[in-house]
Amino acid sequence: MQIKTNFSNNTIPDQYGCNVASDNLNHGINQTSFPFTVTDLPKDSRYLSWTLIDYDTIPIFGFAWIHWSVTDYPVTSDNLTIESNFSQLATIPQGRNSLDSLIQDLREPLWKGRKFRQSLTTHYSGPRPQNGIHHYRLSVYAMDSALNLEVGFGLNELMNRIDNVTIAETSQNLLYERRP
């Protein structure tokens, strides 16, 4: 099983991160998820789950920043393509990202009361490193059965259940650089 992108040097294109015009951002967040393909899925694969995590935030915040988590994507062939903007169009469960965290609440004290919060915290949250280049780990899991998690699940819930149903997994580091 492999992850394939058409990104030059494994760098997430600007259209999926913070280096876009502000009118393409939702409260500073780019919610247009990037496309990728998963090839050579095992024969017994029935569903996919995936996560996108920035571990370069550990020295900054004390934890890895969750940008995206998805579960129970039905497998229909040996190779599957996740289309651009999948996150906004999908009806399958997506988990909470790190915008649903104490750090975000401290950065924006009125965040919890905002109507848009639910949409921003349960979908793709594009890369927006404070500065420089960050590494984003895209991990994909082929599963033989669904996890049946609800929209807004926690990454801990996904990780606590996934071992019992995973038949293959693969990961790839992707890069993104914030530019002025």
N, C-alpha and C. Protein backbone atom coordinates (compact mmCIF):
# COMPACT_ATOMS: atom_id res chain seq x y z
N MET A 1 0.86 -1.17 0.00
CA MET A 1 0.00 0.00 0.00
C MET A 1 0.90 1.23 0.00
N GLN A 2 0.56 2.21 -0.85
CA GLN A 2 1.36 3.43 -0.96
C GLN A 2 0.47 4.65 -1.09
N ILE A 3 1.01 5.79 -0.63
CA ILE A 3 0.36 7.09 -0.82
C ILE A 3 1.07 7.77 -1.98
N LYS A 4 0.29 8.31 -2.90
CA LYS A 4 0.87 9.05 -4.03
C LYS A 4 0.22 10.42 -4.11
N THR A 5 1.05 11.41 -4.33
CA THR A 5 0.58 12.77 -4.58
C THR A 5 1.28 13.26 -5.84
N ASN A 6 0.79 14.35 -6.38
CA ASN A 6 1.49 14.96 -7.51
C ASN A 6 2.24 16.21 -7.05
N PHE A 7 2.60 16.25 -5.77
CA PHE A 7 3.29 17.40 -5.19
C PHE A 7 4.77 17.36 -5.55
N SER A 8 5.32 18.48 -5.93
CA SER A 8 6.74 18.59 -6.19
C SER A 8 7.49 18.51 -4.86
N ASN A 9 8.47 17.62 -4.76
CA ASN A 9 9.29 17.45 -3.56
C ASN A 9 8.47 17.19 -2.30
N ASN A 10 7.34 16.51 -2.44
CA ASN A 10 6.45 16.22 -1.31
C ASN A 10 5.99 17.47 -0.57
N THR A 11 5.95 18.59 -1.25
CA THR A 11 5.53 19.86 -0.65
C THR A 11 4.06 20.11 -0.97
N ILE A 12 3.26 20.27 0.07
CA ILE A 12 1.84 20.57 -0.11
C ILE A 12 1.73 21.90 -0.85
N PRO A 13 0.99 21.95 -1.96
CA PRO A 13 0.85 23.20 -2.70
C PRO A 13 0.15 24.28 -1.88
N ASP A 14 0.49 25.52 -2.17
CA ASP A 14 -0.06 26.65 -1.42
C ASP A 14 -1.58 26.68 -1.40
N GLN A 15 -2.23 26.19 -2.42
CA GLN A 15 -3.70 26.25 -2.47
C GLN A 15 -4.36 25.44 -1.36
N TYR A 16 -3.57 24.63 -0.62
CA TYR A 16 -4.12 23.83 0.47
C TYR A 16 -3.60 24.26 1.84
N GLY A 17 -2.90 25.39 1.89
CA GLY A 17 -2.35 25.89 3.14
C GLY A 17 -2.62 27.36 3.32
N CYS A 18 -1.84 28.00 4.17
CA CYS A 18 -2.10 29.39 4.55
C CYS A 18 -1.60 30.43 3.55
N ASN A 19 -0.80 30.02 2.57
CA ASN A 19 -0.24 30.97 1.60
C ASN A 19 -1.20 31.24 0.45
N VAL A 20 -2.42 31.57 0.77
CA VAL A 20 -3.43 31.92 -0.24
C VAL A 20 -4.02 33.27 0.14
N ALA A 21 -4.77 33.85 -0.78
CA ALA A 21 -5.44 35.12 -0.49
C ALA A 21 -6.38 34.94 0.70
N SER A 22 -6.49 35.97 1.51
CA SER A 22 -7.30 35.87 2.74
C SER A 22 -8.76 35.55 2.45
N ASP A 23 -9.28 35.88 1.27
CA ASP A 23 -10.68 35.55 0.97
C ASP A 23 -10.87 34.06 0.72
N ASN A 24 -9.77 33.29 0.64
CA ASN A 24 -9.86 31.83 0.53
C ASN A 24 -9.70 31.14 1.88
N LEU A 25 -9.63 31.93 2.94
CA LEU A 25 -9.48 31.40 4.29
C LEU A 25 -10.77 31.60 5.09
N ASN A 26 -11.06 30.68 5.96
CA ASN A 26 -12.20 30.77 6.85
C ASN A 26 -11.64 31.05 8.24
N HIS A 27 -11.73 32.30 8.67
CA HIS A 27 -11.17 32.72 9.96
C HIS A 27 -9.70 32.33 10.08
N GLY A 28 -8.95 32.56 9.00
CA GLY A 28 -7.52 32.29 8.97
C GLY A 28 -7.15 30.87 8.61
N ILE A 29 -8.13 30.01 8.37
CA ILE A 29 -7.89 28.59 8.11
C ILE A 29 -8.26 28.26 6.66
N ASN A 30 -7.36 27.53 5.99
CA ASN A 30 -7.67 27.02 4.66
C ASN A 30 -8.31 25.64 4.85
N GLN A 31 -9.56 25.51 4.46
CA GLN A 31 -10.27 24.24 4.63
C GLN A 31 -10.33 23.41 3.35
N THR A 32 -9.62 23.82 2.32
CA THR A 32 -9.59 23.06 1.06
C THR A 32 -8.55 21.95 1.20
N SER A 33 -9.00 20.74 1.42
CA SER A 33 -8.08 19.61 1.61
C SER A 33 -7.44 19.21 0.29
N PHE A 34 -6.24 18.66 0.39
CA PHE A 34 -5.47 18.29 -0.80
C PHE A 34 -5.84 16.89 -1.29
N PRO A 35 -5.61 16.64 -2.58
CA PRO A 35 -5.89 15.31 -3.13
C PRO A 35 -4.70 14.37 -2.90
N PHE A 36 -5.01 13.10 -2.80
CA PHE A 36 -3.97 12.07 -2.77
C PHE A 36 -4.59 10.75 -3.20
N THR A 37 -3.73 9.82 -3.58
CA THR A 37 -4.17 8.51 -4.03
C THR A 37 -3.53 7.45 -3.15
N VAL A 38 -4.29 6.42 -2.84
CA VAL A 38 -3.77 5.27 -2.11
C VAL A 38 -3.80 4.10 -3.08
N THR A 39 -2.63 3.52 -3.32
CA THR A 39 -2.52 2.43 -4.31
C THR A 39 -2.23 1.10 -3.62
N ASP A 40 -2.47 0.04 -4.37
CA ASP A 40 -2.14 -1.32 -3.93
C ASP A 40 -2.78 -1.68 -2.60
N LEU A 41 -4.06 -1.33 -2.47
CA LEU A 41 -4.77 -1.69 -1.24
C LEU A 41 -4.90 -3.21 -1.13
N PRO A 42 -4.75 -3.76 0.07
CA PRO A 42 -4.92 -5.20 0.24
C PRO A 42 -6.34 -5.64 -0.16
N LYS A 43 -6.43 -6.85 -0.61
CA LYS A 43 -7.69 -7.41 -1.11
C LYS A 43 -8.82 -7.35 -0.07
N ASP A 44 -8.51 -7.52 1.19
CA ASP A 44 -9.53 -7.55 2.24
C ASP A 44 -9.89 -6.17 2.79
N SER A 45 -9.37 -5.11 2.17
CA SER A 45 -9.66 -3.75 2.64
C SER A 45 -11.13 -3.42 2.38
N ARG A 46 -11.78 -2.90 3.41
CA ARG A 46 -13.19 -2.48 3.28
C ARG A 46 -13.35 -0.98 3.52
N TYR A 47 -12.46 -0.41 4.36
CA TYR A 47 -12.54 1.01 4.71
C TYR A 47 -11.13 1.57 4.88
N LEU A 48 -11.03 2.89 4.73
CA LEU A 48 -9.80 3.60 5.03
C LEU A 48 -10.05 4.60 6.15
N SER A 49 -9.01 4.83 6.92
CA SER A 49 -8.95 5.95 7.86
C SER A 49 -7.64 6.66 7.56
N TRP A 50 -7.58 7.96 7.86
CA TRP A 50 -6.31 8.66 7.72
C TRP A 50 -6.21 9.83 8.67
N THR A 51 -4.97 10.22 8.92
CA THR A 51 -4.68 11.37 9.78
C THR A 51 -3.60 12.21 9.11
N LEU A 52 -3.61 13.50 9.43
CA LEU A 52 -2.56 14.43 9.01
C LEU A 52 -2.13 15.18 10.26
N ILE A 53 -0.88 14.98 10.66
CA ILE A 53 -0.41 15.52 11.94
C ILE A 53 0.93 16.23 11.75
N ASP A 54 1.06 17.39 12.38
CA ASP A 54 2.28 18.19 12.36
C ASP A 54 3.01 17.97 13.69
N TYR A 55 4.07 17.17 13.66
CA TYR A 55 4.84 16.90 14.87
C TYR A 55 5.84 18.01 15.18
N ASP A 56 6.09 18.90 14.21
CA ASP A 56 7.00 20.02 14.45
C ASP A 56 6.43 21.04 15.43
N THR A 57 5.18 20.90 15.81
CA THR A 57 4.58 21.82 16.78
C THR A 57 4.87 21.41 18.23
N ILE A 58 5.43 20.24 18.44
CA ILE A 58 5.69 19.78 19.81
C ILE A 58 6.57 20.76 20.58
N PRO A 59 7.68 21.26 20.02
CA PRO A 59 8.48 22.23 20.78
C PRO A 59 7.74 23.56 21.02
N ILE A 60 6.76 23.87 20.20
CA ILE A 60 6.04 25.14 20.32
C ILE A 60 4.89 25.04 21.32
N PHE A 61 4.03 24.03 21.15
CA PHE A 61 2.82 23.90 21.96
C PHE A 61 2.90 22.81 23.03
N GLY A 62 3.82 21.88 22.86
CA GLY A 62 3.90 20.76 23.78
C GLY A 62 3.13 19.55 23.30
N PHE A 63 2.54 19.62 22.10
CA PHE A 63 1.83 18.48 21.52
C PHE A 63 1.83 18.60 20.00
N ALA A 64 1.62 17.48 19.34
CA ALA A 64 1.52 17.46 17.88
C ALA A 64 0.17 18.06 17.48
N TRP A 65 0.16 18.82 16.40
CA TRP A 65 -1.05 19.50 15.94
C TRP A 65 -1.79 18.60 14.95
N ILE A 66 -3.02 18.27 15.28
CA ILE A 66 -3.86 17.44 14.41
C ILE A 66 -4.50 18.36 13.37
N HIS A 67 -4.24 18.09 12.11
CA HIS A 67 -4.83 18.88 11.03
C HIS A 67 -6.05 18.20 10.41
N TRP A 68 -6.10 16.87 10.49
CA TRP A 68 -7.19 16.18 9.82
C TRP A 68 -7.23 14.74 10.29
N SER A 69 -8.41 14.23 10.55
CA SER A 69 -8.60 12.81 10.81
C SER A 69 -9.94 12.39 10.22
N VAL A 70 -9.91 11.25 9.56
CA VAL A 70 -11.08 10.75 8.82
C VAL A 70 -11.17 9.25 9.06
N THR A 71 -12.38 8.73 9.12
CA THR A 71 -12.54 7.29 9.25
C THR A 71 -13.71 6.78 8.40
N ASP A 72 -13.67 5.48 8.16
CA ASP A 72 -14.76 4.75 7.51
C ASP A 72 -15.03 5.18 6.07
N TYR A 73 -13.95 5.49 5.32
CA TYR A 73 -14.08 5.77 3.89
C TYR A 73 -14.17 4.43 3.17
N PRO A 74 -15.28 4.15 2.47
CA PRO A 74 -15.46 2.84 1.83
C PRO A 74 -14.43 2.58 0.72
N VAL A 75 -13.88 1.40 0.73
CA VAL A 75 -12.94 0.96 -0.31
C VAL A 75 -13.74 0.31 -1.43
N THR A 76 -13.53 0.79 -2.64
CA THR A 76 -14.27 0.27 -3.79
C THR A 76 -13.36 -0.31 -4.87
N SER A 77 -12.04 -0.19 -4.70
CA SER A 77 -11.10 -0.74 -5.67
C SER A 77 -9.72 -0.85 -5.03
N ASP A 78 -8.76 -1.35 -5.81
CA ASP A 78 -7.39 -1.51 -5.31
C ASP A 78 -6.67 -0.18 -5.15
N ASN A 79 -7.14 0.84 -5.87
CA ASN A 79 -6.54 2.18 -5.83
C ASN A 79 -7.66 3.19 -5.64
N LEU A 80 -7.48 4.08 -4.69
CA LEU A 80 -8.52 5.09 -4.42
C LEU A 80 -7.90 6.48 -4.46
N THR A 81 -8.63 7.41 -5.05
CA THR A 81 -8.20 8.80 -5.07
C THR A 81 -9.12 9.63 -4.20
N ILE A 82 -8.52 10.34 -3.28
CA ILE A 82 -9.24 11.29 -2.44
C ILE A 82 -9.12 12.64 -3.16
N GLU A 83 -10.22 13.18 -3.57
CA GLU A 83 -10.23 14.39 -4.39
C GLU A 83 -9.94 15.64 -3.57
N SER A 84 -9.52 16.69 -4.26
CA SER A 84 -9.33 18.00 -3.65
C SER A 84 -10.65 18.45 -3.02
N ASN A 85 -10.57 19.07 -1.87
CA ASN A 85 -11.71 19.59 -1.12
C ASN A 85 -12.63 18.48 -0.59
N PHE A 86 -12.12 17.27 -0.51
CA PHE A 86 -12.89 16.15 0.03
C PHE A 86 -13.48 16.48 1.39
N SER A 87 -12.68 17.12 2.23
CA SER A 87 -13.11 17.38 3.60
C SER A 87 -14.42 18.17 3.67
N GLN A 88 -14.58 19.15 2.82
CA GLN A 88 -15.80 19.96 2.84
C GLN A 88 -16.99 19.25 2.21
N LEU A 89 -16.74 18.29 1.34
CA LEU A 89 -17.81 17.61 0.62
C LEU A 89 -18.22 16.27 1.24
N ALA A 90 -17.38 15.73 2.08
CA ALA A 90 -17.58 14.38 2.61
C ALA A 90 -18.72 14.31 3.62
N THR A 91 -19.35 13.14 3.64
CA THR A 91 -20.39 12.88 4.64
C THR A 91 -19.96 11.80 5.64
N ILE A 92 -18.76 11.27 5.47
CA ILE A 92 -18.25 10.28 6.42
C ILE A 92 -17.65 10.99 7.62
N PRO A 93 -17.47 10.29 8.74
CA PRO A 93 -16.99 10.94 9.96
C PRO A 93 -15.58 11.52 9.85
N GLN A 94 -15.47 12.77 10.27
CA GLN A 94 -14.18 13.42 10.42
C GLN A 94 -14.04 13.82 11.89
N GLY A 95 -12.84 13.68 12.40
CA GLY A 95 -12.61 13.95 13.81
C GLY A 95 -12.25 15.39 14.08
N ARG A 96 -12.14 15.69 15.36
CA ARG A 96 -11.74 17.04 15.78
C ARG A 96 -10.27 17.25 15.49
N ASN A 97 -9.95 18.43 14.98
CA ASN A 97 -8.56 18.80 14.80
C ASN A 97 -8.12 19.63 16.01
N SER A 98 -6.90 20.11 15.99
CA SER A 98 -6.37 20.82 17.16
C SER A 98 -6.89 22.24 17.31
N LEU A 99 -7.74 22.68 16.39
CA LEU A 99 -8.43 23.95 16.64
C LEU A 99 -9.40 23.80 17.81
N ASP A 100 -9.73 22.56 18.15
CA ASP A 100 -10.55 22.25 19.31
C ASP A 100 -9.60 21.93 20.47
N SER A 101 -8.89 22.96 20.94
CA SER A 101 -7.89 22.75 22.00
C SER A 101 -7.80 23.97 22.90
N LEU A 102 -7.23 23.76 24.05
CA LEU A 102 -7.01 24.84 25.00
C LEU A 102 -6.12 25.92 24.38
N ILE A 103 -5.15 25.52 23.57
CA ILE A 103 -4.26 26.50 22.93
C ILE A 103 -5.07 27.46 22.06
N GLN A 104 -5.99 26.94 21.26
CA GLN A 104 -6.81 27.79 20.41
C GLN A 104 -7.71 28.68 21.26
N ASP A 105 -8.25 28.15 22.33
CA ASP A 105 -9.10 28.95 23.22
C ASP A 105 -8.32 30.10 23.85
N LEU A 106 -7.04 29.86 24.15
CA LEU A 106 -6.21 30.92 24.72
C LEU A 106 -5.84 31.96 23.66
N ARG A 107 -5.62 31.49 22.43
CA ARG A 107 -5.28 32.41 21.34
C ARG A 107 -6.46 33.30 20.97
N GLU A 108 -7.66 32.73 21.01
CA GLU A 108 -8.88 33.46 20.68
C GLU A 108 -9.93 33.17 21.75
N PRO A 109 -9.98 33.97 22.81
CA PRO A 109 -10.86 33.69 23.95
C PRO A 109 -12.35 33.54 23.60
N LEU A 110 -12.83 34.18 22.57
CA LEU A 110 -14.25 34.06 22.21
C LEU A 110 -14.53 32.90 21.25
N TRP A 111 -13.50 32.12 20.96
CA TRP A 111 -13.58 31.03 19.98
C TRP A 111 -14.71 30.05 20.29
N LYS A 112 -14.86 29.63 21.54
CA LYS A 112 -15.85 28.60 21.88
C LYS A 112 -17.28 29.00 21.55
N GLY A 113 -17.59 30.28 21.60
CA GLY A 113 -18.95 30.72 21.36
C GLY A 113 -19.28 31.00 19.90
N ARG A 114 -18.32 30.85 19.02
CA ARG A 114 -18.52 31.20 17.61
C ARG A 114 -19.29 30.11 16.88
N LYS A 115 -20.21 30.52 16.02
CA LYS A 115 -21.03 29.56 15.26
C LYS A 115 -20.20 28.73 14.29
N PHE A 116 -19.16 29.32 13.72
CA PHE A 116 -18.35 28.63 12.72
C PHE A 116 -17.41 27.59 13.33
N ARG A 117 -17.28 27.56 14.65
CA ARG A 117 -16.31 26.70 15.33
C ARG A 117 -16.48 25.22 14.97
N GLN A 118 -17.69 24.72 14.97
CA GLN A 118 -17.93 23.29 14.68
C GLN A 118 -17.40 22.92 13.31
N SER A 119 -17.66 23.75 12.30
CA SER A 119 -17.18 23.46 10.96
C SER A 119 -15.66 23.46 10.90
N LEU A 120 -15.03 24.40 11.56
CA LEU A 120 -13.57 24.50 11.52
C LEU A 120 -12.89 23.39 12.30
N THR A 121 -13.49 22.91 13.35
CA THR A 121 -12.83 21.92 14.21
C THR A 121 -13.06 20.47 13.77
N THR A 122 -13.99 20.22 12.86
CA THR A 122 -14.27 18.84 12.44
C THR A 122 -14.04 18.64 10.94
N HIS A 123 -13.14 19.40 10.38
CA HIS A 123 -12.76 19.25 8.98
C HIS A 123 -11.25 19.47 8.85
N TYR A 124 -10.77 19.36 7.65
CA TYR A 124 -9.36 19.64 7.34
C TYR A 124 -9.03 21.06 7.75
N SER A 125 -7.91 21.21 8.41
CA SER A 125 -7.38 22.51 8.78
C SER A 125 -6.00 22.60 8.14
N GLY A 126 -5.90 23.38 7.07
CA GLY A 126 -4.68 23.44 6.28
C GLY A 126 -3.46 23.91 7.05
N PRO A 127 -2.28 23.55 6.57
CA PRO A 127 -1.03 23.94 7.22
C PRO A 127 -0.90 25.45 7.36
N ARG A 128 -0.41 25.86 8.51
CA ARG A 128 -0.12 27.27 8.76
C ARG A 128 0.95 27.39 9.85
N PRO A 129 2.16 26.93 9.51
CA PRO A 129 3.23 27.01 10.50
C PRO A 129 3.51 28.46 10.87
N GLN A 130 3.98 28.66 12.09
CA GLN A 130 4.31 30.02 12.52
C GLN A 130 5.35 30.63 11.61
N ASN A 131 6.34 29.83 11.24
CA ASN A 131 7.35 30.27 10.29
C ASN A 131 8.12 29.05 9.81
N GLY A 132 8.81 29.21 8.71
CA GLY A 132 9.65 28.14 8.19
C GLY A 132 8.87 26.95 7.65
N ILE A 133 9.58 25.85 7.51
CA ILE A 133 9.03 24.62 6.95
C ILE A 133 8.63 23.68 8.09
N HIS A 134 7.45 23.10 7.96
CA HIS A 134 7.01 22.05 8.89
C HIS A 134 6.78 20.77 8.10
N HIS A 135 6.91 19.65 8.81
CA HIS A 135 6.66 18.32 8.24
C HIS A 135 5.29 17.84 8.71
N TYR A 136 4.50 17.37 7.79
CA TYR A 136 3.14 16.90 8.08
C TYR A 136 3.09 15.42 7.74
N ARG A 137 2.74 14.61 8.71
CA ARG A 137 2.72 13.16 8.54
C ARG A 137 1.32 12.72 8.14
N LEU A 138 1.18 12.25 6.88
CA LEU A 138 -0.08 11.69 6.41
C LEU A 138 0.01 10.18 6.60
N SER A 139 -0.87 9.64 7.43
CA SER A 139 -0.92 8.19 7.69
C SER A 139 -2.26 7.66 7.24
N VAL A 140 -2.22 6.55 6.49
CA VAL A 140 -3.43 5.94 5.96
C VAL A 140 -3.49 4.49 6.45
N TYR A 141 -4.67 4.09 6.89
CA TYR A 141 -4.90 2.77 7.45
C TYR A 141 -5.98 2.06 6.62
N ALA A 142 -5.66 0.86 6.11
CA ALA A 142 -6.66 0.02 5.45
C ALA A 142 -7.25 -0.89 6.52
N MET A 143 -8.58 -0.94 6.53
CA MET A 143 -9.26 -1.68 7.61
C MET A 143 -10.22 -2.71 7.02
N ASP A 144 -10.45 -3.77 7.77
CA ASP A 144 -11.39 -4.80 7.30
C ASP A 144 -12.81 -4.56 7.79
N SER A 145 -13.01 -3.58 8.67
CA SER A 145 -14.35 -3.22 9.11
C SER A 145 -14.36 -1.76 9.56
N ALA A 146 -15.56 -1.22 9.65
CA ALA A 146 -15.72 0.19 10.01
C ALA A 146 -15.51 0.38 11.51
N LEU A 147 -15.10 1.59 11.88
CA LEU A 147 -14.94 1.93 13.29
C LEU A 147 -16.23 2.49 13.89
N ASN A 148 -17.11 2.98 13.04
CA ASN A 148 -18.40 3.52 13.48
C ASN A 148 -18.27 4.64 14.52
N LEU A 149 -17.32 5.52 14.30
CA LEU A 149 -17.17 6.69 15.15
C LEU A 149 -18.09 7.80 14.65
N GLU A 150 -18.44 8.70 15.54
CA GLU A 150 -19.31 9.82 15.20
C GLU A 150 -18.49 11.01 14.71
N VAL A 151 -19.11 11.89 13.95
CA VAL A 151 -18.47 13.14 13.56
C VAL A 151 -17.97 13.85 14.81
N GLY A 152 -16.74 14.34 14.75
CA GLY A 152 -16.15 15.03 15.91
C GLY A 152 -15.44 14.09 16.87
N PHE A 153 -15.16 12.87 16.43
CA PHE A 153 -14.45 11.93 17.30
C PHE A 153 -13.06 12.48 17.63
N GLY A 154 -12.50 12.02 18.71
CA GLY A 154 -11.14 12.41 19.09
C GLY A 154 -10.13 11.47 18.48
N LEU A 155 -8.94 11.98 18.21
CA LEU A 155 -7.88 11.14 17.66
C LEU A 155 -7.61 9.95 18.59
N ASN A 156 -7.75 10.16 19.89
CA ASN A 156 -7.56 9.06 20.83
C ASN A 156 -8.57 7.93 20.57
N GLU A 157 -9.80 8.28 20.25
CA GLU A 157 -10.81 7.25 19.95
C GLU A 157 -10.42 6.45 18.72
N LEU A 158 -9.96 7.15 17.69
CA LEU A 158 -9.52 6.47 16.47
C LEU A 158 -8.37 5.53 16.77
N MET A 159 -7.36 6.04 17.47
CA MET A 159 -6.17 5.23 17.77
C MET A 159 -6.48 4.07 18.71
N ASN A 160 -7.43 4.24 19.63
CA ASN A 160 -7.79 3.16 20.56
C ASN A 160 -8.49 2.00 19.86
N ARG A 161 -9.15 2.27 18.75
CA ARG A 161 -9.91 1.22 18.06
C ARG A 161 -9.24 0.65 16.82
N ILE A 162 -8.31 1.38 16.25
CA ILE A 162 -7.83 1.04 14.91
C ILE A 162 -6.98 -0.23 14.85
N ASP A 163 -6.26 -0.56 15.89
CA ASP A 163 -5.39 -1.74 15.85
C ASP A 163 -6.15 -3.03 15.54
N ASN A 164 -7.35 -3.15 16.06
CA ASN A 164 -8.12 -4.39 15.89
C ASN A 164 -8.66 -4.60 14.48
N VAL A 165 -8.67 -3.55 13.66
CA VAL A 165 -9.25 -3.67 12.32
C VAL A 165 -8.27 -3.34 11.20
N THR A 166 -7.08 -2.88 11.53
CA THR A 166 -6.10 -2.48 10.51
C THR A 166 -5.44 -3.71 9.90
N ILE A 167 -5.44 -3.75 8.56
CA ILE A 167 -4.76 -4.85 7.86
C ILE A 167 -3.51 -4.36 7.12
N ALA A 168 -3.40 -3.04 6.94
CA ALA A 168 -2.20 -2.45 6.34
C ALA A 168 -2.19 -0.97 6.67
N GLU A 169 -1.00 -0.40 6.70
CA GLU A 169 -0.90 1.04 6.92
C GLU A 169 0.32 1.56 6.19
N THR A 170 0.26 2.85 5.87
CA THR A 170 1.38 3.51 5.22
C THR A 170 1.38 4.98 5.63
N SER A 171 2.54 5.59 5.55
CA SER A 171 2.66 7.00 5.92
C SER A 171 3.62 7.70 4.97
N GLN A 172 3.47 9.00 4.92
CA GLN A 172 4.36 9.82 4.10
C GLN A 172 4.50 11.19 4.74
N ASN A 173 5.73 11.69 4.79
CA ASN A 173 5.95 13.05 5.27
C ASN A 173 5.76 14.03 4.12
N LEU A 174 4.98 15.06 4.39
CA LEU A 174 4.75 16.14 3.44
C LEU A 174 5.28 17.42 4.07
N LEU A 175 5.65 18.37 3.25
CA LEU A 175 6.23 19.62 3.74
C LEU A 175 5.32 20.79 3.41
N TYR A 176 5.43 21.84 4.22
CA TYR A 176 4.75 23.10 3.90
C TYR A 176 5.55 24.22 4.54
N GLU A 177 5.70 25.31 3.79
CA GLU A 177 6.44 26.47 4.28
C GLU A 177 5.56 27.71 4.25
N ARG A 178 5.51 28.38 5.37
CA ARG A 178 4.79 29.66 5.42
C ARG A 178 5.69 30.73 4.82
N ARG A 179 5.10 31.52 3.93
CA ARG A 179 5.82 32.63 3.33
C ARG A 179 5.12 33.93 3.70
N PRO A 180 5.92 35.02 3.77
CA PRO A 180 5.31 36.31 4.13
C PRO A 180 4.36 36.81 3.04
